[in-house]
Amino acid sequence: MTTQARRARRAAAAAPARAAAVLSCWLLLGGGTAFAMGGTADDDHSASGTPRAESGAELAARRAMVEQQIRARGIAKPEVLAAMEEVPRHLFVAAGERAEAYEDRPLPIGHGQTISQPYVVALMTALAGLRPDARVLEIGTGSGYQAAVLSRVAAQVYTIEIVEPLAELARRTLAGLGYDNVHVRVGDGYRGWPEAAPFDAIVVTAAPTEIPAPLVEQLKPGGRMVLPVGDLVQDLLVLTKRPDGGYDRSTVIPVRFVPMTGEAQHHRPPSH
């Protein structure tokens, strides 16, 4: 085989991973539209408030999502695969987007925000390195989907959302679906949740331009923080906190998340 042919074969093999990275969590424009989210609507719950049984097509689509989008891309942790197969993503997206709930892309949830691509949710969950007894902080609740997935792997999840209507809707959706180990707060996630700290892991689903120091402080020694960092160009990072209070840093893939708002906007590099 010629050198040129070998290069072509390697490029073809790497294409799915590059596509996954580019597809990750871009900001869908045209925000401000109100969306009716799932999880608490009458057609999703019985009179007792418990979720109605999902259709066979929805279950089949979710299983296919796990096999084709997640396991096939190298995520092999059984607990993460099980969580992704269990959590009904179609109940965390806008009603008009449910037919696309298990597709390989992010979807709009209103207020200029998105629900992340399933692969990215699974990847961030796997990178957090959670134990069954872990306490996790999530910054950027959105629709509540990432928090629901984390709640199937960890013991307690604390999640903060700066957009109040999204936080309240996520709280109702999570409660209606029985995710009672998820605690939702409305607020600016830059300062974290000090009274619940320290955390075994922190997952950030909006991109600051610099690593938030208060979040590093709230991470246990040996704990991990998974977050996108950057402006127009972003990288998904994993920080592992050292006993001396510093951290080791590794870069995973390029991504595109919505920007972290609030106080994070006042902590930007001088070039911005």
Protein backbone atom coordinates (compact mmCIF):
# COMPACT_ATOMS: atom_id res chain seq x y z
CA MET A 1 0.00 0.00 0.00
CA THR A 2 1.37 3.41 -0.90
CA THR A 3 1.94 6.16 1.67
CA GLN A 4 -0.83 8.21 0.06
CA ALA A 5 -3.26 5.30 0.32
CA ARG A 6 -2.41 4.74 3.99
CA ARG A 7 -3.02 8.43 4.72
CA ALA A 8 -6.39 8.27 2.96
CA ARG A 9 -7.39 5.23 5.01
CA ARG A 10 -6.40 6.92 8.30
CA ALA A 11 -8.34 10.06 7.34
CA ALA A 12 -11.45 8.02 6.56
CA ALA A 13 -11.21 6.20 9.90
CA ALA A 14 -10.89 9.48 11.82
CA ALA A 15 -13.81 11.17 10.06
CA PRO A 16 -16.59 9.97 12.46
CA ALA A 17 -14.72 11.29 15.52
CA ARG A 18 -14.11 14.65 13.86
CA ALA A 19 -17.76 14.83 12.85
CA ALA A 20 -18.79 14.09 16.44
CA ALA A 21 -16.62 16.91 17.73
CA VAL A 22 -17.83 19.47 15.22
CA LEU A 23 -21.43 18.44 15.78
CA SER A 24 -21.18 18.73 19.55
CA CYS A 25 -23.13 21.63 21.05
CA TRP A 26 -23.27 24.65 18.80
CA LEU A 27 -25.48 27.63 19.57
CA LEU A 28 -28.63 27.47 17.44
CA LEU A 29 -29.58 30.98 16.46
CA GLY A 30 -33.05 32.43 16.54
CA GLY A 31 -33.48 32.17 20.31
CA GLY A 32 -36.33 33.79 22.17
CA THR A 33 -38.94 31.38 20.87
CA ALA A 34 -40.92 29.69 23.61
CA PHE A 35 -40.93 25.89 23.49
CA ALA A 36 -43.33 23.52 25.21
CA MET A 37 -41.01 20.98 26.85
CA GLY A 38 -41.79 17.39 27.72
CA GLY A 39 -41.89 15.66 31.07
CA THR A 40 -44.91 17.37 32.63
CA ALA A 41 -47.45 17.62 29.83
CA ASP A 42 -50.78 15.84 30.25
CA ASP A 43 -50.12 13.57 27.30
CA ASP A 44 -46.92 12.28 28.94
CA HIS A 45 -48.32 11.54 32.42
CA SER A 46 -51.26 9.69 33.85
CA ALA A 47 -53.78 11.23 36.26
CA SER A 48 -51.60 10.00 39.15
CA GLY A 49 -48.65 12.03 37.87
CA THR A 50 -46.54 9.03 36.89
CA PRO A 51 -45.05 8.92 33.38
CA ARG A 52 -47.02 6.99 30.78
CA ALA A 53 -45.37 3.99 29.17
CA GLU A 54 -43.25 4.99 26.20
CA SER A 55 -43.79 3.56 22.75
CA GLY A 56 -41.77 0.70 21.39
CA ALA A 57 -40.49 3.00 18.65
CA GLU A 58 -39.06 5.43 21.22
CA LEU A 59 -37.33 2.64 23.13
CA ALA A 60 -35.94 1.16 19.91
CA ALA A 61 -34.68 4.58 18.81
CA ARG A 62 -32.92 5.09 22.14
CA ARG A 63 -31.26 1.68 22.00
CA ALA A 64 -30.10 2.39 18.45
CA MET A 65 -28.75 5.75 19.62
CA VAL A 66 -26.67 4.05 22.30
CA GLU A 67 -25.28 1.41 19.93
CA GLN A 68 -24.64 3.58 16.87
CA GLN A 69 -23.73 6.96 18.34
CA ILE A 70 -22.14 6.12 21.68
CA ARG A 71 -20.80 2.57 21.95
CA ALA A 72 -19.58 2.69 18.33
CA ARG A 73 -17.53 5.81 19.16
CA GLY A 74 -15.64 4.07 21.92
CA ILE A 75 -17.60 4.84 25.10
CA ALA A 76 -17.69 1.49 26.86
CA LYS A 77 -18.44 2.20 30.55
CA PRO A 78 -21.46 -0.02 31.36
CA GLU A 79 -22.98 2.45 33.81
CA VAL A 80 -22.88 5.27 31.26
CA LEU A 81 -24.36 3.13 28.49
CA ALA A 82 -27.10 1.95 30.86
CA ALA A 83 -27.93 5.54 31.87
CA MET A 84 -28.12 6.69 28.25
CA GLU A 85 -30.43 3.80 27.45
CA GLU A 86 -32.64 4.45 30.47
CA VAL A 87 -33.23 8.23 30.34
CA PRO A 88 -36.03 9.19 27.89
CA ARG A 89 -34.41 12.01 25.91
CA HIS A 90 -37.66 12.68 24.01
CA LEU A 91 -39.20 14.00 27.24
CA PHE A 92 -36.44 16.60 27.64
CA VAL A 93 -36.79 18.27 24.22
CA ALA A 94 -39.34 20.68 22.80
CA ALA A 95 -42.59 19.01 21.80
CA GLY A 96 -42.00 19.88 18.16
CA GLU A 97 -38.55 18.28 18.24
CA ARG A 98 -39.49 14.87 19.64
CA ALA A 99 -39.30 13.09 16.30
CA GLU A 100 -35.61 14.11 16.22
CA ALA A 101 -34.90 13.39 19.91
CA TYR A 102 -32.57 10.45 19.23
CA GLU A 103 -30.75 11.90 16.26
CA ASP A 104 -27.01 12.57 16.35
CA ARG A 105 -27.18 16.31 17.01
CA PRO A 106 -28.12 18.96 19.57
CA LEU A 107 -31.62 20.44 19.53
CA PRO A 108 -33.01 23.85 20.54
CA ILE A 109 -34.86 24.09 23.87
CA GLY A 110 -35.72 27.80 23.79
CA HIS A 111 -34.14 30.91 25.30
CA GLY A 112 -31.16 30.55 22.95
CA GLN A 113 -30.14 27.26 24.61
CA THR A 114 -29.70 23.70 23.35
CA ILE A 115 -29.83 20.12 24.57
CA SER A 116 -26.46 18.57 23.79
CA GLN A 117 -25.78 15.90 21.20
CA PRO A 118 -26.27 12.47 22.88
CA TYR A 119 -22.64 11.48 22.27
CA VAL A 120 -21.38 14.59 24.08
CA VAL A 121 -23.65 13.93 27.08
CA ALA A 122 -22.31 10.39 27.31
CA LEU A 123 -18.71 11.51 26.78
CA MET A 124 -18.84 14.16 29.52
CA THR A 125 -20.48 11.69 31.90
CA ALA A 126 -17.79 9.09 31.20
CA LEU A 127 -14.96 11.62 31.55
CA ALA A 128 -16.25 12.68 35.00
CA GLY A 129 -15.15 9.27 36.35
CA LEU A 130 -18.08 8.91 38.73
CA ARG A 131 -18.46 6.37 41.50
CA PRO A 132 -21.91 5.23 42.68
CA ASP A 133 -21.57 7.36 45.84
CA ALA A 134 -20.40 10.51 44.00
CA ARG A 135 -21.77 14.00 44.53
CA VAL A 136 -21.81 15.97 41.28
CA LEU A 137 -22.29 19.64 40.47
CA GLU A 138 -23.63 20.54 37.04
CA ILE A 139 -23.49 24.09 35.70
CA GLY A 140 -26.13 24.74 33.06
CA THR A 141 -29.23 22.61 33.71
CA GLY A 142 -30.93 23.43 30.42
CA SER A 143 -33.76 20.95 29.96
CA GLY A 144 -32.42 18.68 32.73
CA TYR A 145 -31.28 15.85 30.43
CA GLN A 146 -27.60 15.82 31.41
CA ALA A 147 -28.59 15.98 35.08
CA ALA A 148 -30.93 13.01 34.61
CA VAL A 149 -28.13 10.97 33.01
CA LEU A 150 -25.70 11.92 35.79
CA SER A 151 -28.30 10.92 38.39
CA ARG A 152 -28.30 7.34 37.10
CA VAL A 153 -24.53 7.08 37.66
CA ALA A 154 -23.95 9.20 40.80
CA ALA A 155 -25.64 9.39 44.20
CA GLN A 156 -26.53 13.11 44.24
CA VAL A 157 -26.63 15.76 41.51
CA TYR A 158 -26.73 19.51 42.18
CA THR A 159 -27.53 21.56 39.08
CA ILE A 160 -27.71 25.32 38.49
CA GLU A 161 -29.45 27.14 35.64
CA ILE A 162 -29.26 30.90 35.11
CA VAL A 163 -32.40 31.08 32.90
CA GLU A 164 -35.26 30.86 35.39
CA PRO A 165 -37.98 29.49 33.05
CA LEU A 166 -35.66 26.68 31.97
CA ALA A 167 -34.71 25.88 35.57
CA GLU A 168 -38.32 25.71 36.69
CA LEU A 169 -39.34 23.55 33.74
CA ALA A 170 -36.38 21.22 34.28
CA ARG A 171 -37.30 20.93 37.97
CA ARG A 172 -40.86 19.89 37.08
CA THR A 173 -39.69 17.47 34.39
CA LEU A 174 -37.14 15.79 36.66
CA ALA A 175 -39.59 15.54 39.56
CA GLY A 176 -42.34 14.19 37.31
CA LEU A 177 -40.03 11.48 36.01
CA GLY A 178 -38.87 10.48 39.49
CA TYR A 179 -35.30 11.78 39.48
CA ASP A 180 -35.44 12.63 43.16
CA ASN A 181 -31.67 12.75 43.67
CA VAL A 182 -31.36 15.84 41.47
CA HIS A 183 -31.43 19.25 43.17
CA VAL A 184 -32.15 22.26 40.93
CA ARG A 185 -31.23 25.86 41.72
CA VAL A 186 -31.89 29.05 39.77
CA GLY A 187 -28.79 31.21 39.68
CA ASP A 188 -25.42 32.09 38.21
CA GLY A 189 -23.30 28.95 38.11
CA TYR A 190 -19.96 30.76 38.03
CA ARG A 191 -19.78 30.72 41.85
CA GLY A 192 -21.00 27.15 42.08
CA TRP A 193 -22.96 25.80 45.07
CA PRO A 194 -20.65 26.47 48.06
CA GLU A 195 -22.88 25.09 50.79
CA ALA A 196 -23.11 21.71 49.03
CA ALA A 197 -19.37 21.53 48.25
CA PRO A 198 -16.98 19.79 47.98
CA PHE A 199 -17.94 17.74 44.92
CA ASP A 200 -16.45 14.58 43.49
CA ALA A 201 -17.02 15.92 40.00
CA ILE A 202 -18.23 19.07 38.25
CA VAL A 203 -19.73 19.05 34.75
CA VAL A 204 -20.11 22.39 32.98
CA THR A 205 -22.41 22.54 29.94
CA ALA A 206 -21.80 26.15 28.91
CA ALA A 207 -18.45 27.55 27.82
CA PRO A 208 -16.55 30.15 29.88
CA THR A 209 -13.55 31.79 28.26
CA GLU A 210 -11.46 31.01 31.34
CA ILE A 211 -11.67 28.24 33.94
CA PRO A 212 -13.84 29.51 36.85
CA ALA A 213 -11.66 29.57 39.98
CA PRO A 214 -14.62 29.12 42.41
CA LEU A 215 -15.49 25.82 40.73
CA VAL A 216 -11.93 24.55 41.08
CA GLU A 217 -12.11 25.41 44.80
CA GLN A 218 -15.31 23.36 45.21
CA LEU A 219 -13.79 20.24 43.67
CA LYS A 220 -12.43 17.54 45.98
CA PRO A 221 -8.77 16.56 45.67
CA GLY A 222 -8.68 13.82 43.08
CA GLY A 223 -12.01 15.01 41.64
CA ARG A 224 -12.56 15.89 38.01
CA MET A 225 -14.12 18.86 36.26
CA VAL A 226 -15.28 18.42 32.67
CA LEU A 227 -15.96 21.65 30.79
CA PRO A 228 -15.71 23.43 27.46
CA VAL A 229 -13.44 26.49 27.49
CA GLY A 230 -13.09 29.14 24.81
CA ASP A 231 -14.96 31.69 22.76
CA LEU A 232 -15.42 31.04 19.04
CA VAL A 233 -12.89 28.23 19.36
CA GLN A 234 -13.57 25.88 22.28
CA ASP A 235 -11.95 22.74 23.67
CA LEU A 236 -13.49 20.16 25.96
CA LEU A 237 -11.15 19.91 28.95
CA VAL A 238 -10.76 17.55 31.88
CA LEU A 239 -9.21 19.01 35.04
CA THR A 240 -8.06 16.67 37.82
CA LYS A 241 -7.51 18.43 41.13
CA ARG A 242 -4.26 17.77 42.96
CA PRO A 243 -3.88 17.61 46.76
CA ASP A 244 -2.01 20.97 46.67
CA GLY A 245 -5.11 22.71 45.26
CA GLY A 246 -3.81 22.98 41.71
CA TYR A 247 -4.95 20.81 38.85
CA ASP A 248 -3.73 18.78 35.92
CA ARG A 249 -5.37 19.55 32.60
CA SER A 250 -6.00 17.52 29.46
CA THR A 251 -7.73 18.45 26.20
CA VAL A 252 -10.23 15.97 24.75
CA ILE A 253 -11.88 17.29 21.57
CA PRO A 254 -12.89 20.60 19.97
CA VAL A 255 -16.54 21.47 20.71
CA ARG A 256 -19.06 24.29 20.36
CA PHE A 257 -21.26 25.02 23.38
CA VAL A 258 -23.42 28.00 24.22
CA PRO A 259 -21.39 30.61 26.15
CA MET A 260 -21.49 30.81 29.93
CA THR A 261 -23.31 34.02 30.85
CA GLY A 262 -23.56 36.02 34.06
CA GLU A 263 -20.41 36.65 36.07
CA ALA A 264 -18.35 34.59 33.63
CA GLN A 265 -18.71 37.43 31.13
CA HIS A 266 -16.65 39.65 33.46
CA HIS A 267 -13.80 37.14 33.59
CA ARG A 268 -12.63 37.18 30.00
CA PRO A 269 -9.06 37.30 28.69
CA PRO A 270 -7.84 40.83 27.80
CA SER A 271 -7.91 39.97 24.09
CA HIS A 272 -11.70 39.84 24.29
